[in-house]
Amino acid sequence: MLRTRLRHTGLAIREVNIWDDPEAAARVRAAADGNETVPTVFVGPVAMVNPSVGRVVEAVREHAPRLLDDARAAKPRRKFWPLRRNN
């Protein structure tokens, strides 16, 4: 669920499979009281275990605001499709 919602923000994300990457698993365990809890999100110095999208965006705003600017620039605008009436 978090993955989908983060994609809707337009933020660039990097996903790591902690069961394929022992270093990533160790980092997650360090942040999650020894557990391999996913999702664990890292933004700069902040580690968040199972965060809300709002919490992730707050961390990005504080520690990597450039990513928000990049997301806004990359996010496609919705296209307007006028309704067509059949007479």
PDB file of N, CA and C in Angstrom:
ATOM      1  N   MET A   1       0.825  -1.184   0.000  1.00  0.00           N
ATOM      2  CA  MET A   1       0.000   0.000   0.000  1.00  0.00           C
ATOM      3  C   MET A   1       0.873   1.254   0.000  1.00  0.00           C
ATOM      4  N   LEU A   2       1.906   1.288   0.834  1.00  0.00           N
ATOM      5  CA  LEU A   2       2.794   2.447   0.876  1.00  0.00           C
ATOM      6  C   LEU A   2       3.460   2.653  -0.478  1.00  0.00           C
ATOM      7  N   ARG A   3       3.898   1.572  -1.090  1.00  0.00           N
ATOM      8  CA  ARG A   3       4.566   1.661  -2.392  1.00  0.00           C
ATOM      9  C   ARG A   3       3.666   2.362  -3.410  1.00  0.00           C
ATOM     10  N   THR A   4       2.426   1.947  -3.485  1.00  0.00           N
ATOM     11  CA  THR A   4       1.484   2.541  -4.440  1.00  0.00           C
ATOM     12  C   THR A   4       1.262   4.015  -4.148  1.00  0.00           C
ATOM     13  N   ARG A   5       1.060   4.330  -2.892  1.00  0.00           N
ATOM     14  CA  ARG A   5       0.810   5.728  -2.532  1.00  0.00           C
ATOM     15  C   ARG A   5       2.035   6.597  -2.773  1.00  0.00           C
ATOM     16  N   LEU A   6       3.218   6.075  -2.516  1.00  0.00           N
ATOM     17  CA  LEU A   6       4.431   6.852  -2.795  1.00  0.00           C
ATOM     18  C   LEU A   6       4.591   7.085  -4.291  1.00  0.00           C
ATOM     19  N   ARG A   7       4.258   6.095  -5.082  1.00  0.00           N
ATOM     20  CA  ARG A   7       4.350   6.280  -6.541  1.00  0.00           C
ATOM     21  C   ARG A   7       3.422   7.392  -7.008  1.00  0.00           C
ATOM     22  N   HIS A   8       2.281   7.528  -6.376  1.00  0.00           N
ATOM     23  CA  HIS A   8       1.343   8.601  -6.743  1.00  0.00           C
ATOM     24  C   HIS A   8       1.894   9.983  -6.405  1.00  0.00           C
ATOM     25  N   THR A   9       2.830  10.075  -5.476  1.00  0.00           N
ATOM     26  CA  THR A   9       3.416  11.376  -5.146  1.00  0.00           C
ATOM     27  C   THR A   9       4.390  11.834  -6.213  1.00  0.00           C
ATOM     28  N   GLY A  10       4.900  10.900  -7.008  1.00  0.00           N
ATOM     29  CA  GLY A  10       5.901  11.243  -8.008  1.00  0.00           C
ATOM     30  C   GLY A  10       7.319  11.226  -7.469  1.00  0.00           C
ATOM     31  N   LEU A  11       7.479  10.950  -6.170  1.00  0.00           N
ATOM     32  CA  LEU A  11       8.822  10.899  -5.590  1.00  0.00           C
ATOM     33  C   LEU A  11       9.598   9.717  -6.156  1.00  0.00           C
ATOM     34  N   ALA A  12      10.873   9.941  -6.399  1.00  0.00           N
ATOM     35  CA  ALA A  12      11.740   8.849  -6.826  1.00  0.00           C
ATOM     36  C   ALA A  12      11.991   7.950  -5.620  1.00  0.00           C
ATOM     37  N   ILE A  13      11.797   6.661  -5.804  1.00  0.00           N
ATOM     38  CA  ILE A  13      12.053   5.727  -4.714  1.00  0.00           C
ATOM     39  C   ILE A  13      12.993   4.634  -5.201  1.00  0.00           C
ATOM     40  N   ARG A  14      13.717   4.070  -4.259  1.00  0.00           N
ATOM     41  CA  ARG A  14      14.592   2.935  -4.571  1.00  0.00           C
ATOM     42  C   ARG A  14      14.192   1.811  -3.635  1.00  0.00           C
ATOM     43  N   GLU A  15      13.764   0.726  -4.215  1.00  0.00           N
ATOM     44  CA  GLU A  15      13.346  -0.425  -3.422  1.00  0.00           C
ATOM     45  C   GLU A  15      14.486  -1.426  -3.347  1.00  0.00           C
ATOM     46  N   VAL A  16      14.664  -2.001  -2.157  1.00  0.00           N
ATOM     47  CA  VAL A  16      15.714  -2.989  -1.943  1.00  0.00           C
ATOM     48  C   VAL A  16      15.083  -4.205  -1.287  1.00  0.00           C
ATOM     49  N   ASN A  17      15.356  -5.375  -1.827  1.00  0.00           N
ATOM     50  CA  ASN A  17      14.878  -6.616  -1.231  1.00  0.00           C
ATOM     51  C   ASN A  17      15.872  -7.017  -0.146  1.00  0.00           C
ATOM     52  N   ILE A  18      15.469  -6.866   1.107  1.00  0.00           N
ATOM     53  CA  ILE A  18      16.408  -7.118   2.202  1.00  0.00           C
ATOM     54  C   ILE A  18      16.773  -8.591   2.327  1.00  0.00           C
ATOM     55  N   TRP A  19      15.997  -9.476   1.735  1.00  0.00           N
ATOM     56  CA  TRP A  19      16.332 -10.896   1.805  1.00  0.00           C
ATOM     57  C   TRP A  19      17.349 -11.273   0.734  1.00  0.00           C
ATOM     58  N   ASP A  20      17.613 -10.366  -0.187  1.00  0.00           N
ATOM     59  CA  ASP A  20      18.664 -10.569  -1.187  1.00  0.00           C
ATOM     60  C   ASP A  20      19.905  -9.745  -0.884  1.00  0.00           C
ATOM     61  N   ASP A  21      19.815  -8.835   0.058  1.00  0.00           N
ATOM     62  CA  ASP A  21      20.912  -7.906   0.352  1.00  0.00           C
ATOM     63  C   ASP A  21      21.182  -7.899   1.862  1.00  0.00           C
ATOM     64  N   PRO A  22      22.197  -8.652   2.309  1.00  0.00           N
ATOM     65  CA  PRO A  22      22.477  -8.750   3.745  1.00  0.00           C
ATOM     66  C   PRO A  22      22.782  -7.404   4.406  1.00  0.00           C
ATOM     67  N   GLU A  23      23.444  -6.505   3.700  1.00  0.00           N
ATOM     68  CA  GLU A  23      23.740  -5.184   4.276  1.00  0.00           C
ATOM     69  C   GLU A  23      22.455  -4.388   4.495  1.00  0.00           C
ATOM     70  N   ALA A  24      21.552  -4.466   3.545  1.00  0.00           N
ATOM     71  CA  ALA A  24      20.267  -3.772   3.689  1.00  0.00           C
ATOM     72  C   ALA A  24      19.466  -4.383   4.834  1.00  0.00           C
ATOM     73  N   ALA A  25      19.506  -5.701   4.964  1.00  0.00           N
ATOM     74  CA  ALA A  25      18.794  -6.366   6.061  1.00  0.00           C
ATOM     75  C   ALA A  25      19.346  -5.910   7.408  1.00  0.00           C
ATOM     76  N   ALA A  26      20.655  -5.781   7.502  1.00  0.00           N
ATOM     77  CA  ALA A  26      21.271  -5.321   8.751  1.00  0.00           C
ATOM     78  C   ALA A  26      20.852  -3.889   9.066  1.00  0.00           C
ATOM     79  N   ARG A  27      20.777  -3.059   8.047  1.00  0.00           N
ATOM     80  CA  ARG A  27      20.364  -1.666   8.256  1.00  0.00           C
ATOM     81  C   ARG A  27      18.915  -1.593   8.743  1.00  0.00           C
ATOM     82  N   VAL A  28      18.056  -2.418   8.160  1.00  0.00           N
ATOM     83  CA  VAL A  28      16.654  -2.452   8.588  1.00  0.00           C
ATOM     84  C   VAL A  28      16.557  -2.964  10.023  1.00  0.00           C
ATOM     85  N   ARG A  29      17.296  -4.019  10.353  1.00  0.00           N
ATOM     86  CA  ARG A  29      17.267  -4.539  11.730  1.00  0.00           C
ATOM     87  C   ARG A  29      17.719  -3.481  12.724  1.00  0.00           C
ATOM     88  N   ALA A  30      18.725  -2.697  12.353  1.00  0.00           N
ATOM     89  CA  ALA A  30      19.215  -1.635  13.239  1.00  0.00           C
ATOM     90  C   ALA A  30      18.138  -0.570  13.467  1.00  0.00           C
ATOM     91  N   ALA A  31      17.334  -0.323  12.458  1.00  0.00           N
ATOM     92  CA  ALA A  31      16.289   0.703  12.571  1.00  0.00           C
ATOM     93  C   ALA A  31      15.012   0.171  13.208  1.00  0.00           C
ATOM     94  N   ALA A  32      14.806  -1.154  13.154  1.00  0.00           N
ATOM     95  CA  ALA A  32      13.528  -1.743  13.575  1.00  0.00           C
ATOM     96  C   ALA A  32      13.687  -2.643  14.801  1.00  0.00           C
ATOM     97  N   ASP A  33      14.530  -2.237  15.716  1.00  0.00           N
ATOM     98  CA  ASP A  33      14.701  -2.988  16.975  1.00  0.00           C
ATOM     99  C   ASP A  33      15.005  -4.465  16.752  1.00  0.00           C
ATOM    100  N   GLY A  34      15.857  -4.743  15.770  1.00  0.00           N
ATOM    101  CA  GLY A  34      16.273  -6.119  15.516  1.00  0.00           C
ATOM    102  C   GLY A  34      15.357  -6.905  14.602  1.00  0.00           C
ATOM    103  N   ASN A  35      14.265  -6.317  14.186  1.00  0.00           N
ATOM    104  CA  ASN A  35      13.309  -7.001  13.307  1.00  0.00           C
ATOM    105  C   ASN A  35      13.562  -6.652  11.849  1.00  0.00           C
ATOM    106  N   GLU A  36      13.158  -7.536  10.974  1.00  0.00           N
ATOM    107  CA  GLU A  36      13.243  -7.259   9.538  1.00  0.00           C
ATOM    108  C   GLU A  36      11.865  -6.806   9.062  1.00  0.00           C
ATOM    109  N   THR A  37      11.460  -5.658   9.562  1.00  0.00           N
ATOM    110  CA  THR A  37      10.137  -5.117   9.265  1.00  0.00           C
ATOM    111  C   THR A  37      10.168  -4.338   7.960  1.00  0.00           C
ATOM    112  N   VAL A  38       9.240  -4.662   7.086  1.00  0.00           N
ATOM    113  CA  VAL A  38       9.100  -3.907   5.850  1.00  0.00           C
ATOM    114  C   VAL A  38       7.662  -3.406   5.759  1.00  0.00           C
ATOM    115  N   PRO A  39       7.455  -2.225   5.253  1.00  0.00           N
ATOM    116  CA  PRO A  39       8.478  -1.343   4.717  1.00  0.00           C
ATOM    117  C   PRO A  39       9.196  -0.559   5.812  1.00  0.00           C
ATOM    118  N   THR A  40      10.473  -0.412   5.609  1.00  0.00           N
ATOM    119  CA  THR A  40      11.285   0.505   6.395  1.00  0.00           C
ATOM    120  C   THR A  40      11.835   1.503   5.393  1.00  0.00           C
ATOM    121  N   VAL A  41      11.632   2.775   5.659  1.00  0.00           N
ATOM    122  CA  VAL A  41      11.995   3.829   4.714  1.00  0.00           C
ATOM    123  C   VAL A  41      13.092   4.685   5.322  1.00  0.00           C
ATOM    124  N   PHE A  42      14.106   4.962   4.521  1.00  0.00           N
ATOM    125  CA  PHE A  42      15.206   5.823   4.941  1.00  0.00           C
ATOM    126  C   PHE A  42      15.201   7.081   4.086  1.00  0.00           C
ATOM    127  N   VAL A  43      15.206   8.221   4.749  1.00  0.00           N
ATOM    128  CA  VAL A  43      15.317   9.513   4.069  1.00  0.00           C
ATOM    129  C   VAL A  43      16.391  10.283   4.810  1.00  0.00           C
ATOM    130  N   GLY A  44      17.546  10.447   4.169  1.00  0.00           N
ATOM    131  CA  GLY A  44      18.657  11.097   4.861  1.00  0.00           C
ATOM    132  C   GLY A  44      18.962  10.328   6.132  1.00  0.00           C
ATOM    133  N   PRO A  45      19.053  11.019   7.276  1.00  0.00           N
ATOM    134  CA  PRO A  45      19.384  10.342   8.533  1.00  0.00           C
ATOM    135  C   PRO A  45      18.181   9.704   9.230  1.00  0.00           C
ATOM    136  N   VAL A  46      17.006   9.840   8.655  1.00  0.00           N
ATOM    137  CA  VAL A  46      15.779   9.377   9.305  1.00  0.00           C
ATOM    138  C   VAL A  46      15.397   7.981   8.815  1.00  0.00           C
ATOM    139  N   ALA A  47      15.114   7.094   9.771  1.00  0.00           N
ATOM    140  CA  ALA A  47      14.605   5.759   9.458  1.00  0.00           C
ATOM    141  C   ALA A  47      13.184   5.669   9.989  1.00  0.00           C
ATOM    142  N   MET A  48      12.273   5.198   9.150  1.00  0.00           N
ATOM    143  CA  MET A  48      10.864   5.099   9.538  1.00  0.00           C
ATOM    144  C   MET A  48      10.369   3.686   9.257  1.00  0.00           C
ATOM    145  N   VAL A  49       9.802   3.051  10.271  1.00  0.00           N
ATOM    146  CA  VAL A  49       9.275   1.697  10.125  1.00  0.00           C
ATOM    147  C   VAL A  49       7.773   1.786   9.881  1.00  0.00           C
ATOM    148  N   ASN A  50       7.359   1.246   8.737  1.00  0.00           N
ATOM    149  CA  ASN A  50       5.954   1.243   8.328  1.00  0.00           C
ATOM    150  C   ASN A  50       5.307   2.628   8.452  1.00  0.00           C
ATOM    151  N   PRO A  51       5.908   3.627   7.795  1.00  0.00           N
ATOM    152  CA  PRO A  51       5.398   4.997   7.928  1.00  0.00           C
ATOM    153  C   PRO A  51       4.200   5.268   7.024  1.00  0.00           C
ATOM    154  N   SER A  52       3.535   6.359   7.314  1.00  0.00           N
ATOM    155  CA  SER A  52       2.488   6.846   6.414  1.00  0.00           C
ATOM    156  C   SER A  52       3.160   7.638   5.291  1.00  0.00           C
ATOM    157  N   VAL A  53       2.436   7.846   4.219  1.00  0.00           N
ATOM    158  CA  VAL A  53       2.969   8.660   3.122  1.00  0.00           C
ATOM    159  C   VAL A  53       3.255  10.069   3.621  1.00  0.00           C
ATOM    160  N   GLY A  54       2.364  10.603   4.437  1.00  0.00           N
ATOM    161  CA  GLY A  54       2.567  11.947   4.975  1.00  0.00           C
ATOM    162  C   GLY A  54       3.861  12.062   5.756  1.00  0.00           C
ATOM    163  N   ARG A  55       4.155  11.046   6.538  1.00  0.00           N
ATOM    164  CA  ARG A  55       5.395  11.062   7.316  1.00  0.00           C
ATOM    165  C   ARG A  55       6.622  11.012   6.401  1.00  0.00           C
ATOM    166  N   VAL A  56       6.555  10.219   5.344  1.00  0.00           N
ATOM    167  CA  VAL A  56       7.663  10.148   4.387  1.00  0.00           C
ATOM    168  C   VAL A  56       7.844  11.499   3.706  1.00  0.00           C
ATOM    169  N   VAL A  57       6.754  12.103   3.271  1.00  0.00           N
ATOM    170  CA  VAL A  57       6.838  13.404   2.595  1.00  0.00           C
ATOM    171  C   VAL A  57       7.404  14.461   3.542  1.00  0.00           C
ATOM    172  N   GLU A  58       7.010  14.432   4.815  1.00  0.00           N
ATOM    173  CA  GLU A  58       7.580  15.368   5.794  1.00  0.00           C
ATOM    174  C   GLU A  58       9.089  15.196   5.899  1.00  0.00           C
ATOM    175  N   ALA A  59       9.546  13.947   5.958  1.00  0.00           N
ATOM    176  CA  ALA A  59      10.984  13.682   6.052  1.00  0.00           C
ATOM    177  C   ALA A  59      11.706  14.159   4.796  1.00  0.00           C
ATOM    178  N   VAL A  60      11.102  13.935   3.645  1.00  0.00           N
ATOM    179  CA  VAL A  60      11.702  14.409   2.391  1.00  0.00           C
ATOM    180  C   VAL A  60      11.756  15.930   2.394  1.00  0.00           C
ATOM    181  N   ARG A  61      10.680  16.566   2.823  1.00  0.00           N
ATOM    182  CA  ARG A  61      10.640  18.029   2.869  1.00  0.00           C
ATOM    183  C   ARG A  61      11.774  18.569   3.748  1.00  0.00           C
ATOM    184  N   GLU A  62      12.048  17.891   4.853  1.00  0.00           N
ATOM    185  CA  GLU A  62      13.076  18.356   5.780  1.00  0.00           C
ATOM    186  C   GLU A  62      14.490  17.989   5.343  1.00  0.00           C
ATOM    187  N   HIS A  63      14.682  16.780   4.817  1.00  0.00           N
ATOM    188  CA  HIS A  63      16.038  16.289   4.570  1.00  0.00           C
ATOM    189  C   HIS A  63      16.435  16.217   3.099  1.00  0.00           C
ATOM    190  N   ALA A  64      15.480  16.274   2.194  1.00  0.00           N
ATOM    191  CA  ALA A  64      15.801  16.185   0.764  1.00  0.00           C
ATOM    192  C   ALA A  64      14.761  16.940  -0.059  1.00  0.00           C
ATOM    193  N   PRO A  65      14.576  18.239   0.205  1.00  0.00           N
ATOM    194  CA  PRO A  65      13.513  18.988  -0.473  1.00  0.00           C
ATOM    195  C   PRO A  65      13.646  19.016  -1.995  1.00  0.00           C
ATOM    196  N   ARG A  66      14.841  18.852  -2.497  1.00  0.00           N
ATOM    197  CA  ARG A  66      15.049  18.826  -3.947  1.00  0.00           C
ATOM    198  C   ARG A  66      14.230  17.704  -4.590  1.00  0.00           C
ATOM    199  N   LEU A  67      14.059  16.597  -3.863  1.00  0.00           N
ATOM    200  CA  LEU A  67      13.285  15.485  -4.408  1.00  0.00           C
ATOM    201  C   LEU A  67      11.820  15.862  -4.627  1.00  0.00           C
ATOM    202  N   LEU A  68      11.297  16.732  -3.773  1.00  0.00           N
ATOM    203  CA  LEU A  68       9.915  17.193  -3.972  1.00  0.00           C
ATOM    204  C   LEU A  68       9.812  18.047  -5.226  1.00  0.00           C
ATOM    205  N   ASP A  69      10.814  18.907  -5.448  1.00  0.00           N
ATOM    206  CA  ASP A  69      10.820  19.723  -6.662  1.00  0.00           C
ATOM    207  C   ASP A  69      10.905  18.835  -7.896  1.00  0.00           C
ATOM    208  N   ASP A  70      11.774  17.810  -7.832  1.00  0.00           N
ATOM    209  CA  ASP A  70      11.908  16.881  -8.954  1.00  0.00           C
ATOM    210  C   ASP A  70      10.603  16.133  -9.205  1.00  0.00           C
ATOM    211  N   ALA A  71       9.918  15.753  -8.127  1.00  0.00           N
ATOM    212  CA  ALA A  71       8.655  15.017  -8.264  1.00  0.00           C
ATOM    213  C   ALA A  71       7.592  15.886  -8.916  1.00  0.00           C
ATOM    214  N   ARG A  72       7.538  17.145  -8.519  1.00  0.00           N
ATOM    215  CA  ARG A  72       6.546  18.055  -9.118  1.00  0.00           C
ATOM    216  C   ARG A  72       6.815  18.249 -10.605  1.00  0.00           C
ATOM    217  N   ALA A  73       8.093  18.375 -10.952  1.00  0.00           N
ATOM    218  CA  ALA A  73       8.452  18.595 -12.351  1.00  0.00           C
ATOM    219  C   ALA A  73       8.167  17.355 -13.196  1.00  0.00           C
ATOM    220  N   ALA A  74       8.343  16.182 -12.620  1.00  0.00           N
ATOM    221  CA  ALA A  74       8.184  14.943 -13.380  1.00  0.00           C
ATOM    222  C   ALA A  74       6.750  14.434 -13.414  1.00  0.00           C
ATOM    223  N   LYS A  75       5.940  14.885 -12.494  1.00  0.00           N
ATOM    224  CA  LYS A  75       4.576  14.365 -12.394  1.00  0.00           C
ATOM    225  C   LYS A  75       3.739  14.867 -13.571  1.00  0.00           C
ATOM    226  N   PRO A  76       3.203  13.939 -14.350  1.00  0.00           N
ATOM    227  CA  PRO A  76       2.390  14.374 -15.493  1.00  0.00           C
ATOM    228  C   PRO A  76       1.074  14.979 -15.026  1.00  0.00           C
ATOM    229  N   ARG A  77       0.649  15.970 -15.747  1.00  0.00           N
ATOM    230  CA  ARG A  77      -0.644  16.578 -15.443  1.00  0.00           C
ATOM    231  C   ARG A  77      -1.736  15.689 -15.994  1.00  0.00           C
ATOM    232  N   ARG A  78      -2.859  15.712 -15.324  1.00  0.00           N
ATOM    233  CA  ARG A  78      -3.991  14.940 -15.825  1.00  0.00           C
ATOM    234  C   ARG A  78      -4.518  15.592 -17.091  1.00  0.00           C
ATOM    235  N   LYS A  79      -4.834  14.774 -18.016  1.00  0.00           N
ATOM    236  CA  LYS A  79      -5.394  15.292 -19.257  1.00  0.00           C
ATOM    237  C   LYS A  79      -6.889  15.497 -19.076  1.00  0.00           C
ATOM    238  N   PHE A  80      -7.369  16.521 -19.701  1.00  0.00           N
ATOM    239  CA  PHE A  80      -8.791  16.824 -19.649  1.00  0.00           C
ATOM    240  C   PHE A  80      -9.442  16.248 -20.894  1.00  0.00           C
ATOM    241  N   TRP A  81     -10.411  15.426 -20.670  1.00  0.00           N
ATOM    242  CA  TRP A  81     -11.152  14.850 -21.782  1.00  0.00           C
ATOM    243  C   TRP A  81     -12.578  15.382 -21.710  1.00  0.00           C
ATOM    244  N   PRO A  82     -12.940  16.263 -22.621  1.00  0.00           N
ATOM    245  CA  PRO A  82     -14.298  16.815 -22.573  1.00  0.00           C
ATOM    246  C   PRO A  82     -15.335  15.716 -22.804  1.00  0.00           C
ATOM    247  N   LEU A  83     -16.456  15.889 -22.162  1.00  0.00           N
ATOM    248  CA  LEU A  83     -17.538  14.927 -22.348  1.00  0.00           C
ATOM    249  C   LEU A  83     -18.142  15.111 -23.730  1.00  0.00           C
ATOM    250  N   ARG A  84     -18.480  14.042 -24.302  1.00  0.00           N
ATOM    251  CA  ARG A  84     -19.075  14.082 -25.622  1.00  0.00           C
ATOM    252  C   ARG A  84     -20.540  13.706 -25.508  1.00  0.00           C
ATOM    253  N   ARG A  85     -21.361  14.526 -26.058  1.00  0.00           N
ATOM    254  CA  ARG A  85     -22.803  14.251 -25.998  1.00  0.00           C
ATOM    255  C   ARG A  85     -23.242  13.571 -27.279  1.00  0.00           C
ATOM    256  N   ASN A  86     -24.038  12.574 -27.099  1.00  0.00           N
ATOM    257  CA  ASN A  86     -24.637  11.909 -28.266  1.00  0.00           C
ATOM    258  C   ASN A  86     -26.029  12.491 -28.468  1.00  0.00           C
ATOM    259  N   ASN A  87     -26.246  13.114 -29.583  1.00  0.00           N
ATOM    260  CA  ASN A  87     -27.556  13.721 -29.862  1.00  0.00           C
ATOM    261  C   ASN A  87     -28.410  12.812 -30.678  1.00  0.00           C
TER     262      ASN A  87
END
